[in-house]
Amino acid sequence: MERALGWMGVFGSAFAIVAVLALDATLGGQHIRGGRLRAATISEYVYTSGGAAFVAAVLILAVASAALLHGLIRAGRVRLRSAGSVLMMLWVVGLLGVVAFPKHNWVTGPSASGTVHRLATLLAFVALPLAVLLIARGRDVTVRAARWFTAVGIGWLAVLFGAIAVGVATGRPWWKLIPLGVVERGIAGFEVAALIALGLWLVRGERADPPRERQASSRRERHRHSTSGPRVPAGRSVPPQDRDPHDPGPAP
């Protein structure tokens, strides 16, 4: 069951990456507000003929992420009530928010839906790398790959937050300070690649013992050692024990 959930995470995440690449290849050359779609944010595709494909990709990614988290919990790789589990749930919530509240054209004025969309995007982009860093433990090659992809994704994320900080300090539009579409694709691409690595880790690995089982096993081991008799060094005999006076002893 855990391996099936891991494969769901792998293929669902891979489908999302392939869908965005396909949209960039087929529709990315179209112009929008003075630029090309492939240079704008990925969410812009919701207003094109590829809108259904974009929504399907995000929803499949959300379902795949939830399935992967369920598999990691079942396999004992992460506890249900843990920071890593909560952060990965927030990633899923952020993805659903991106679909439920479409991107807004801010040239037309402020929008509550657009604000929620932005917050949902930031929530997803920040929650997932933190979740991966907390969950991906060990020396398996897939674990190391997950951490490496996450580190690169955090680097792209730092570029985004750096532009926001400069924009706030200077009063300039922060989204014009960087190639926003490229940065967003860098963040999303490497973070989803980290998800694929987590899925492969779940597929490759064996079921891990939950912490309670490990503790119970440790207690049983200590009890076995404490109840076992004293060990007698080689060449030494065990001192005779006092015999019951009513015991007739061994037969002659």
C-alpha atoms as a PDB file:
ATOM      1  CA  MET A   1       0.000   0.000   0.000  1.00  0.00           C
ATOM      2  CA  GLU A   2       2.792   2.431   0.910  1.00  0.00           C
ATOM      3  CA  ARG A   3       4.548   1.816  -2.409  1.00  0.00           C
ATOM      4  CA  ALA A   4       1.332   2.451  -4.346  1.00  0.00           C
ATOM      5  CA  LEU A   5       0.912   5.766  -2.530  1.00  0.00           C
ATOM      6  CA  GLY A   6       4.541   6.584  -3.270  1.00  0.00           C
ATOM      7  CA  TRP A   7       4.015   5.945  -6.985  1.00  0.00           C
ATOM      8  CA  MET A   8       0.951   8.196  -6.869  1.00  0.00           C
ATOM      9  CA  GLY A   9       3.142  10.965  -5.514  1.00  0.00           C
ATOM     10  CA  VAL A  10       5.802  10.369  -8.166  1.00  0.00           C
ATOM     11  CA  PHE A  11       3.512  10.221 -11.197  1.00  0.00           C
ATOM     12  CA  GLY A  12       1.193  13.004 -10.006  1.00  0.00           C
ATOM     13  CA  SER A  13       4.125  15.352  -9.446  1.00  0.00           C
ATOM     14  CA  ALA A  14       5.730  14.408 -12.748  1.00  0.00           C
ATOM     15  CA  PHE A  15       2.436  15.027 -14.547  1.00  0.00           C
ATOM     16  CA  ALA A  16       2.282  18.568 -13.116  1.00  0.00           C
ATOM     17  CA  ILE A  17       5.787  19.353 -14.394  1.00  0.00           C
ATOM     18  CA  VAL A  18       5.066  17.906 -17.837  1.00  0.00           C
ATOM     19  CA  ALA A  19       1.757  19.827 -18.047  1.00  0.00           C
ATOM     20  CA  VAL A  20       3.447  23.190 -17.383  1.00  0.00           C
ATOM     21  CA  LEU A  21       6.213  22.410 -19.884  1.00  0.00           C
ATOM     22  CA  ALA A  22       3.566  21.493 -22.457  1.00  0.00           C
ATOM     23  CA  LEU A  23       1.697  24.754 -21.831  1.00  0.00           C
ATOM     24  CA  ASP A  24       4.931  26.727 -22.194  1.00  0.00           C
ATOM     25  CA  ALA A  25       5.712  24.915 -25.439  1.00  0.00           C
ATOM     26  CA  THR A  26       2.266  25.303 -27.021  1.00  0.00           C
ATOM     27  CA  LEU A  27       0.887  28.556 -25.583  1.00  0.00           C
ATOM     28  CA  GLY A  28       3.921  30.227 -24.054  1.00  0.00           C
ATOM     29  CA  GLY A  29       4.611  32.297 -27.157  1.00  0.00           C
ATOM     30  CA  GLN A  30       1.334  34.203 -26.885  1.00  0.00           C
ATOM     31  CA  HIS A  31       1.578  37.842 -25.794  1.00  0.00           C
ATOM     32  CA  ILE A  32      -0.047  39.109 -22.616  1.00  0.00           C
ATOM     33  CA  ARG A  33       0.292  42.633 -21.200  1.00  0.00           C
ATOM     34  CA  GLY A  34       3.461  43.417 -23.120  1.00  0.00           C
ATOM     35  CA  GLY A  35       5.161  40.060 -22.627  1.00  0.00           C
ATOM     36  CA  ARG A  36       4.958  36.386 -23.473  1.00  0.00           C
ATOM     37  CA  LEU A  37       3.015  33.884 -21.397  1.00  0.00           C
ATOM     38  CA  ARG A  38       6.076  31.768 -20.658  1.00  0.00           C
ATOM     39  CA  ALA A  39       7.652  34.844 -19.046  1.00  0.00           C
ATOM     40  CA  ALA A  40       4.580  35.486 -16.869  1.00  0.00           C
ATOM     41  CA  THR A  41       3.485  33.536 -13.814  1.00  0.00           C
ATOM     42  CA  ILE A  42       2.207  30.007 -14.362  1.00  0.00           C
ATOM     43  CA  SER A  43      -1.238  30.993 -13.071  1.00  0.00           C
ATOM     44  CA  GLU A  44      -1.777  33.174 -16.153  1.00  0.00           C
ATOM     45  CA  TYR A  45      -2.624  30.020 -18.104  1.00  0.00           C
ATOM     46  CA  VAL A  46      -5.964  29.814 -16.313  1.00  0.00           C
ATOM     47  CA  TYR A  47      -7.230  32.591 -18.632  1.00  0.00           C
ATOM     48  CA  THR A  48      -6.116  30.852 -21.829  1.00  0.00           C
ATOM     49  CA  SER A  49      -7.319  27.847 -23.806  1.00  0.00           C
ATOM     50  CA  GLY A  50      -5.052  25.796 -21.539  1.00  0.00           C
ATOM     51  CA  GLY A  51      -6.932  26.837 -18.410  1.00  0.00           C
ATOM     52  CA  ALA A  52      -8.478  23.391 -17.892  1.00  0.00           C
ATOM     53  CA  ALA A  53      -5.063  21.730 -18.227  1.00  0.00           C
ATOM     54  CA  PHE A  54      -3.577  24.131 -15.658  1.00  0.00           C
ATOM     55  CA  VAL A  55      -6.371  23.493 -13.139  1.00  0.00           C
ATOM     56  CA  ALA A  56      -6.143  19.721 -13.682  1.00  0.00           C
ATOM     57  CA  ALA A  57      -2.364  19.789 -13.164  1.00  0.00           C
ATOM     58  CA  VAL A  58      -2.630  21.683  -9.870  1.00  0.00           C
ATOM     59  CA  LEU A  59      -5.438  19.471  -8.562  1.00  0.00           C
ATOM     60  CA  ILE A  60      -3.593  16.281  -9.520  1.00  0.00           C
ATOM     61  CA  LEU A  61      -0.495  17.633  -7.786  1.00  0.00           C
ATOM     62  CA  ALA A  62      -2.538  18.340  -4.634  1.00  0.00           C
ATOM     63  CA  VAL A  63      -4.048  14.828  -4.622  1.00  0.00           C
ATOM     64  CA  ALA A  64      -0.656  13.248  -5.308  1.00  0.00           C
ATOM     65  CA  SER A  65       0.914  15.229  -2.445  1.00  0.00           C
ATOM     66  CA  ALA A  66      -1.840  14.158  -0.037  1.00  0.00           C
ATOM     67  CA  ALA A  67      -1.408  10.516  -1.106  1.00  0.00           C
ATOM     68  CA  LEU A  68       2.356  10.763  -0.616  1.00  0.00           C
ATOM     69  CA  LEU A  69       1.919  12.215   2.861  1.00  0.00           C
ATOM     70  CA  HIS A  70      -0.513   9.415   3.748  1.00  0.00           C
ATOM     71  CA  GLY A  71       2.022   6.859   2.550  1.00  0.00           C
ATOM     72  CA  LEU A  72       4.847   8.453   4.554  1.00  0.00           C
ATOM     73  CA  ILE A  73       2.678   8.367   7.683  1.00  0.00           C
ATOM     74  CA  ARG A  74       1.701   4.716   7.105  1.00  0.00           C
ATOM     75  CA  ALA A  75       5.351   3.782   6.595  1.00  0.00           C
ATOM     76  CA  GLY A  76       6.405   5.502   9.812  1.00  0.00           C
ATOM     77  CA  ARG A  77       8.566   8.061   7.997  1.00  0.00           C
ATOM     78  CA  VAL A  78       6.655  10.955   9.565  1.00  0.00           C
ATOM     79  CA  ARG A  79       4.178  11.197  12.434  1.00  0.00           C
ATOM     80  CA  LEU A  80       0.684  12.505  11.810  1.00  0.00           C
ATOM     81  CA  ARG A  81       1.060  15.073  14.580  1.00  0.00           C
ATOM     82  CA  SER A  82       4.385  16.590  13.582  1.00  0.00           C
ATOM     83  CA  ALA A  83       5.667  19.794  12.040  1.00  0.00           C
ATOM     84  CA  GLY A  84       6.616  18.040   8.802  1.00  0.00           C
ATOM     85  CA  SER A  85       3.135  16.563   8.394  1.00  0.00           C
ATOM     86  CA  VAL A  86       1.406  19.887   9.136  1.00  0.00           C
ATOM     87  CA  LEU A  87       3.630  21.794   6.703  1.00  0.00           C
ATOM     88  CA  MET A  88       2.948  19.314   3.922  1.00  0.00           C
ATOM     89  CA  MET A  89      -0.780  19.640   4.601  1.00  0.00           C
ATOM     90  CA  LEU A  90      -0.386  23.420   4.271  1.00  0.00           C
ATOM     91  CA  TRP A  91       1.294  22.874   0.889  1.00  0.00           C
ATOM     92  CA  VAL A  92      -1.817  20.972  -0.241  1.00  0.00           C
ATOM     93  CA  VAL A  93      -4.080  23.712   1.146  1.00  0.00           C
ATOM     94  CA  GLY A  94      -2.047  26.321  -0.742  1.00  0.00           C
ATOM     95  CA  LEU A  95      -2.443  24.412  -4.008  1.00  0.00           C
ATOM     96  CA  LEU A  96      -6.200  24.187  -3.542  1.00  0.00           C
ATOM     97  CA  GLY A  97      -6.284  27.927  -2.787  1.00  0.00           C
ATOM     98  CA  VAL A  98      -4.446  28.674  -6.038  1.00  0.00           C
ATOM     99  CA  VAL A  99      -7.229  26.906  -7.956  1.00  0.00           C
ATOM    100  CA  ALA A 100     -10.159  28.195  -5.893  1.00  0.00           C
ATOM    101  CA  PHE A 101      -9.001  31.837  -6.135  1.00  0.00           C
ATOM    102  CA  PRO A 102      -7.649  32.499  -9.655  1.00  0.00           C
ATOM    103  CA  LYS A 103      -4.917  34.992 -10.412  1.00  0.00           C
ATOM    104  CA  HIS A 104      -6.071  38.603 -10.687  1.00  0.00           C
ATOM    105  CA  ASN A 105      -5.011  41.327 -13.095  1.00  0.00           C
ATOM    106  CA  TRP A 106      -3.899  44.006 -10.652  1.00  0.00           C
ATOM    107  CA  VAL A 107      -3.950  46.675 -13.360  1.00  0.00           C
ATOM    108  CA  THR A 108      -7.746  46.734 -12.981  1.00  0.00           C
ATOM    109  CA  GLY A 109      -7.529  47.460  -9.262  1.00  0.00           C
ATOM    110  CA  PRO A 110      -7.377  45.566  -5.967  1.00  0.00           C
ATOM    111  CA  SER A 111      -9.113  42.227  -5.513  1.00  0.00           C
ATOM    112  CA  ALA A 112      -9.794  40.060  -2.468  1.00  0.00           C
ATOM    113  CA  SER A 113      -9.622  36.926  -4.618  1.00  0.00           C
ATOM    114  CA  GLY A 114      -6.284  38.025  -6.060  1.00  0.00           C
ATOM    115  CA  THR A 115      -4.915  38.658  -2.580  1.00  0.00           C
ATOM    116  CA  VAL A 116      -5.946  35.184  -1.432  1.00  0.00           C
ATOM    117  CA  HIS A 117      -4.339  33.742  -4.566  1.00  0.00           C
ATOM    118  CA  ARG A 118      -1.046  35.435  -3.744  1.00  0.00           C
ATOM    119  CA  LEU A 119      -1.142  34.302  -0.119  1.00  0.00           C
ATOM    120  CA  ALA A 120      -1.996  30.736  -1.157  1.00  0.00           C
ATOM    121  CA  THR A 121       0.933  30.711  -3.589  1.00  0.00           C
ATOM    122  CA  LEU A 122       3.359  31.964  -0.940  1.00  0.00           C
ATOM    123  CA  LEU A 123       1.972  29.493   1.593  1.00  0.00           C
ATOM    124  CA  ALA A 124       2.575  26.601  -0.796  1.00  0.00           C
ATOM    125  CA  PHE A 125       6.045  27.780  -1.837  1.00  0.00           C
ATOM    126  CA  VAL A 126       7.209  28.229   1.766  1.00  0.00           C
ATOM    127  CA  ALA A 127       5.515  25.214   3.396  1.00  0.00           C
ATOM    128  CA  LEU A 128       6.777  22.498   1.048  1.00  0.00           C
ATOM    129  CA  PRO A 129      10.563  23.041   1.338  1.00  0.00           C
ATOM    130  CA  LEU A 130      10.307  23.236   5.122  1.00  0.00           C
ATOM    131  CA  ALA A 131       8.269  20.019   5.132  1.00  0.00           C
ATOM    132  CA  VAL A 132      10.811  18.213   2.952  1.00  0.00           C
ATOM    133  CA  LEU A 133      13.725  19.303   5.157  1.00  0.00           C
ATOM    134  CA  LEU A 134      11.922  17.936   8.223  1.00  0.00           C
ATOM    135  CA  ILE A 135      10.773  14.679   6.613  1.00  0.00           C
ATOM    136  CA  ALA A 136      13.727  13.680   4.417  1.00  0.00           C
ATOM    137  CA  ARG A 137      16.131  12.092   6.908  1.00  0.00           C
ATOM    138  CA  GLY A 138      18.803   9.487   6.265  1.00  0.00           C
ATOM    139  CA  ARG A 139      21.527   8.739   3.734  1.00  0.00           C
ATOM    140  CA  ASP A 140      19.471   7.171   0.968  1.00  0.00           C
ATOM    141  CA  VAL A 141      20.244   8.640  -2.446  1.00  0.00           C
ATOM    142  CA  THR A 142      16.623   9.730  -2.876  1.00  0.00           C
ATOM    143  CA  VAL A 143      16.715  11.533   0.482  1.00  0.00           C
ATOM    144  CA  ARG A 144      19.863  13.395  -0.512  1.00  0.00           C
ATOM    145  CA  ALA A 145      18.279  14.282  -3.844  1.00  0.00           C
ATOM    146  CA  ALA A 146      15.161  15.614  -2.094  1.00  0.00           C
ATOM    147  CA  ARG A 147      17.267  17.834   0.155  1.00  0.00           C
ATOM    148  CA  TRP A 148      19.375  19.051  -2.786  1.00  0.00           C
ATOM    149  CA  PHE A 149      16.319  19.947  -4.885  1.00  0.00           C
ATOM    150  CA  THR A 150      14.851  21.710  -1.848  1.00  0.00           C
ATOM    151  CA  ALA A 151      18.021  23.729  -1.305  1.00  0.00           C
ATOM    152  CA  VAL A 152      17.965  24.940  -4.918  1.00  0.00           C
ATOM    153  CA  GLY A 153      14.257  25.745  -4.621  1.00  0.00           C
ATOM    154  CA  ILE A 154      14.946  27.792  -1.491  1.00  0.00           C
ATOM    155  CA  GLY A 155      17.581  29.688  -3.468  1.00  0.00           C
ATOM    156  CA  TRP A 156      14.976  30.644  -6.070  1.00  0.00           C
ATOM    157  CA  LEU A 157      12.585  31.523  -3.257  1.00  0.00           C
ATOM    158  CA  ALA A 158      15.213  33.843  -1.770  1.00  0.00           C
ATOM    159  CA  VAL A 159      15.332  35.730  -5.084  1.00  0.00           C
ATOM    160  CA  LEU A 160      11.563  36.259  -4.902  1.00  0.00           C
ATOM    161  CA  PHE A 161      11.593  37.495  -1.308  1.00  0.00           C
ATOM    162  CA  GLY A 162      14.629  39.653  -2.034  1.00  0.00           C
ATOM    163  CA  ALA A 163      12.720  41.405  -4.817  1.00  0.00           C
ATOM    164  CA  ILE A 164       9.730  41.924  -2.517  1.00  0.00           C
ATOM    165  CA  ALA A 165      11.997  43.431   0.161  1.00  0.00           C
ATOM    166  CA  VAL A 166      13.671  45.774  -2.345  1.00  0.00           C
ATOM    167  CA  GLY A 167      10.287  46.795  -3.741  1.00  0.00           C
ATOM    168  CA  VAL A 168       8.961  47.640  -0.285  1.00  0.00           C
ATOM    169  CA  ALA A 169      12.106  49.628   0.559  1.00  0.00           C
ATOM    170  CA  THR A 170      12.235  51.565  -2.715  1.00  0.00           C
ATOM    171  CA  GLY A 171       8.550  51.816  -3.572  1.00  0.00           C
ATOM    172  CA  ARG A 172       9.124  50.170  -6.948  1.00  0.00           C
ATOM    173  CA  PRO A 173       6.900  47.332  -8.251  1.00  0.00           C
ATOM    174  CA  TRP A 174       8.736  44.256  -6.990  1.00  0.00           C
ATOM    175  CA  TRP A 175       7.401  42.008  -9.765  1.00  0.00           C
ATOM    176  CA  LYS A 176       9.252  44.165 -12.295  1.00  0.00           C
ATOM    177  CA  LEU A 177      12.594  43.797 -10.526  1.00  0.00           C
ATOM    178  CA  ILE A 178      13.011  40.148 -11.506  1.00  0.00           C
ATOM    179  CA  PRO A 179      11.927  37.866 -14.370  1.00  0.00           C
ATOM    180  CA  LEU A 180       8.958  36.695 -12.307  1.00  0.00           C
ATOM    181  CA  GLY A 181       7.913  33.862 -14.603  1.00  0.00           C
ATOM    182  CA  VAL A 182      11.412  32.364 -14.620  1.00  0.00           C
ATOM    183  CA  VAL A 183      11.770  32.675 -10.848  1.00  0.00           C
ATOM    184  CA  GLU A 184       8.364  31.112 -10.188  1.00  0.00           C
ATOM    185  CA  ARG A 185       9.139  28.208 -12.519  1.00  0.00           C
ATOM    186  CA  GLY A 186      12.466  27.724 -10.751  1.00  0.00           C
ATOM    187  CA  ILE A 187      10.744  27.572  -7.370  1.00  0.00           C
ATOM    188  CA  ALA A 188       7.920  25.292  -8.503  1.00  0.00           C
ATOM    189  CA  GLY A 189      10.120  23.025 -10.618  1.00  0.00           C
ATOM    190  CA  PHE A 190      12.683  22.218  -7.936  1.00  0.00           C
ATOM    191  CA  GLU A 191      10.119  21.917  -5.151  1.00  0.00           C
ATOM    192  CA  VAL A 192       8.030  19.453  -7.157  1.00  0.00           C
ATOM    193  CA  ALA A 193      11.227  17.567  -8.045  1.00  0.00           C
ATOM    194  CA  ALA A 194      11.833  17.217  -4.300  1.00  0.00           C
ATOM    195  CA  LEU A 195       8.336  15.699  -4.014  1.00  0.00           C
ATOM    196  CA  ILE A 196       9.235  13.155  -6.695  1.00  0.00           C
ATOM    197  CA  ALA A 197      12.372  12.239  -4.746  1.00  0.00           C
ATOM    198  CA  LEU A 198      10.290  11.775  -1.582  1.00  0.00           C
ATOM    199  CA  GLY A 199       7.941   9.502  -3.499  1.00  0.00           C
ATOM    200  CA  LEU A 200      10.853   7.389  -4.747  1.00  0.00           C
ATOM    201  CA  TRP A 201      12.193   7.215  -1.179  1.00  0.00           C
ATOM    202  CA  LEU A 202       8.860   5.782  -0.067  1.00  0.00           C
ATOM    203  CA  VAL A 203       8.821   3.315  -2.989  1.00  0.00           C
ATOM    204  CA  ARG A 204      12.399   2.131  -2.362  1.00  0.00           C
ATOM    205  CA  GLY A 205      12.375   1.909   1.405  1.00  0.00           C
ATOM    206  CA  GLU A 206      10.976  -0.662   3.799  1.00  0.00           C
ATOM    207  CA  ARG A 207       8.383   0.077   6.417  1.00  0.00           C
ATOM    208  CA  ALA A 208       9.933   1.959   9.304  1.00  0.00           C
ATOM    209  CA  ASP A 209       9.076   1.123  12.895  1.00  0.00           C
ATOM    210  CA  PRO A 210       6.951   3.830  14.530  1.00  0.00           C
ATOM    211  CA  PRO A 211       8.602   5.484  17.567  1.00  0.00           C
ATOM    212  CA  ARG A 212       6.316   3.662  20.007  1.00  0.00           C
ATOM    213  CA  GLU A 213       7.250   0.298  18.518  1.00  0.00           C
ATOM    214  CA  ARG A 214      10.942   1.146  18.759  1.00  0.00           C
ATOM    215  CA  GLN A 215      10.555   2.155  22.388  1.00  0.00           C
ATOM    216  CA  ALA A 216       8.622  -1.015  23.191  1.00  0.00           C
ATOM    217  CA  SER A 217      11.295  -3.114  21.478  1.00  0.00           C
ATOM    218  CA  SER A 218      14.012  -1.344  23.487  1.00  0.00           C
ATOM    219  CA  ARG A 219      12.132  -1.989  26.745  1.00  0.00           C
ATOM    220  CA  ARG A 220      11.727  -5.678  25.895  1.00  0.00           C
ATOM    221  CA  GLU A 221      15.447  -5.951  25.152  1.00  0.00           C
ATOM    222  CA  ARG A 222      16.398  -4.340  28.480  1.00  0.00           C
ATOM    223  CA  HIS A 223      13.980  -6.619  30.318  1.00  0.00           C
ATOM    224  CA  ARG A 224      15.473  -9.713  28.661  1.00  0.00           C
ATOM    225  CA  HIS A 225      18.994  -8.733  29.740  1.00  0.00           C
ATOM    226  CA  SER A 226      17.898  -7.907  33.295  1.00  0.00           C
ATOM    227  CA  THR A 227      16.104 -11.249  33.794  1.00  0.00           C
ATOM    228  CA  SER A 228      18.849 -13.416  32.327  1.00  0.00           C
ATOM    229  CA  GLY A 229      21.148 -15.167  34.814  1.00  0.00           C
ATOM    230  CA  PRO A 230      24.707 -14.032  35.602  1.00  0.00           C
ATOM    231  CA  ARG A 231      27.298 -14.971  33.076  1.00  0.00           C
ATOM    232  CA  VAL A 232      30.116 -17.189  34.426  1.00  0.00           C
ATOM    233  CA  PRO A 233      33.606 -16.621  33.061  1.00  0.00           C
ATOM    234  CA  ALA A 234      35.280 -19.577  31.387  1.00  0.00           C
ATOM    235  CA  GLY A 235      37.244 -21.833  33.768  1.00  0.00           C
ATOM    236  CA  ARG A 236      35.223 -20.896  36.863  1.00  0.00           C
ATOM    237  CA  SER A 237      32.500 -22.932  38.457  1.00  0.00           C
ATOM    238  CA  VAL A 238      29.252 -21.720  39.893  1.00  0.00           C
ATOM    239  CA  PRO A 239      29.337 -21.760  43.730  1.00  0.00           C
ATOM    240  CA  PRO A 240      27.162 -24.510  45.177  1.00  0.00           C
ATOM    241  CA  GLN A 241      23.747 -23.488  46.361  1.00  0.00           C
ATOM    242  CA  ASP A 242      22.346 -24.397  49.798  1.00  0.00           C
ATOM    243  CA  ARG A 243      20.452 -27.647  49.494  1.00  0.00           C
ATOM    244  CA  ASP A 244      17.078 -28.227  50.999  1.00  0.00           C
ATOM    245  CA  PRO A 245      17.594 -30.562  54.045  1.00  0.00           C
ATOM    246  CA  HIS A 246      14.500 -32.534  53.082  1.00  0.00           C
ATOM    247  CA  ASP A 247      15.836 -33.109  49.551  1.00  0.00           C
ATOM    248  CA  PRO A 248      17.162 -36.682  49.409  1.00  0.00           C
ATOM    249  CA  GLY A 249      19.609 -35.645  46.719  1.00  0.00           C
ATOM    250  CA  PRO A 250      20.526 -37.533  43.610  1.00  0.00           C
ATOM    251  CA  ALA A 251      19.981 -41.245  43.547  1.00  0.00           C
ATOM    252  CA  PRO A 252      23.180 -43.346  43.958  1.00  0.00           C
END
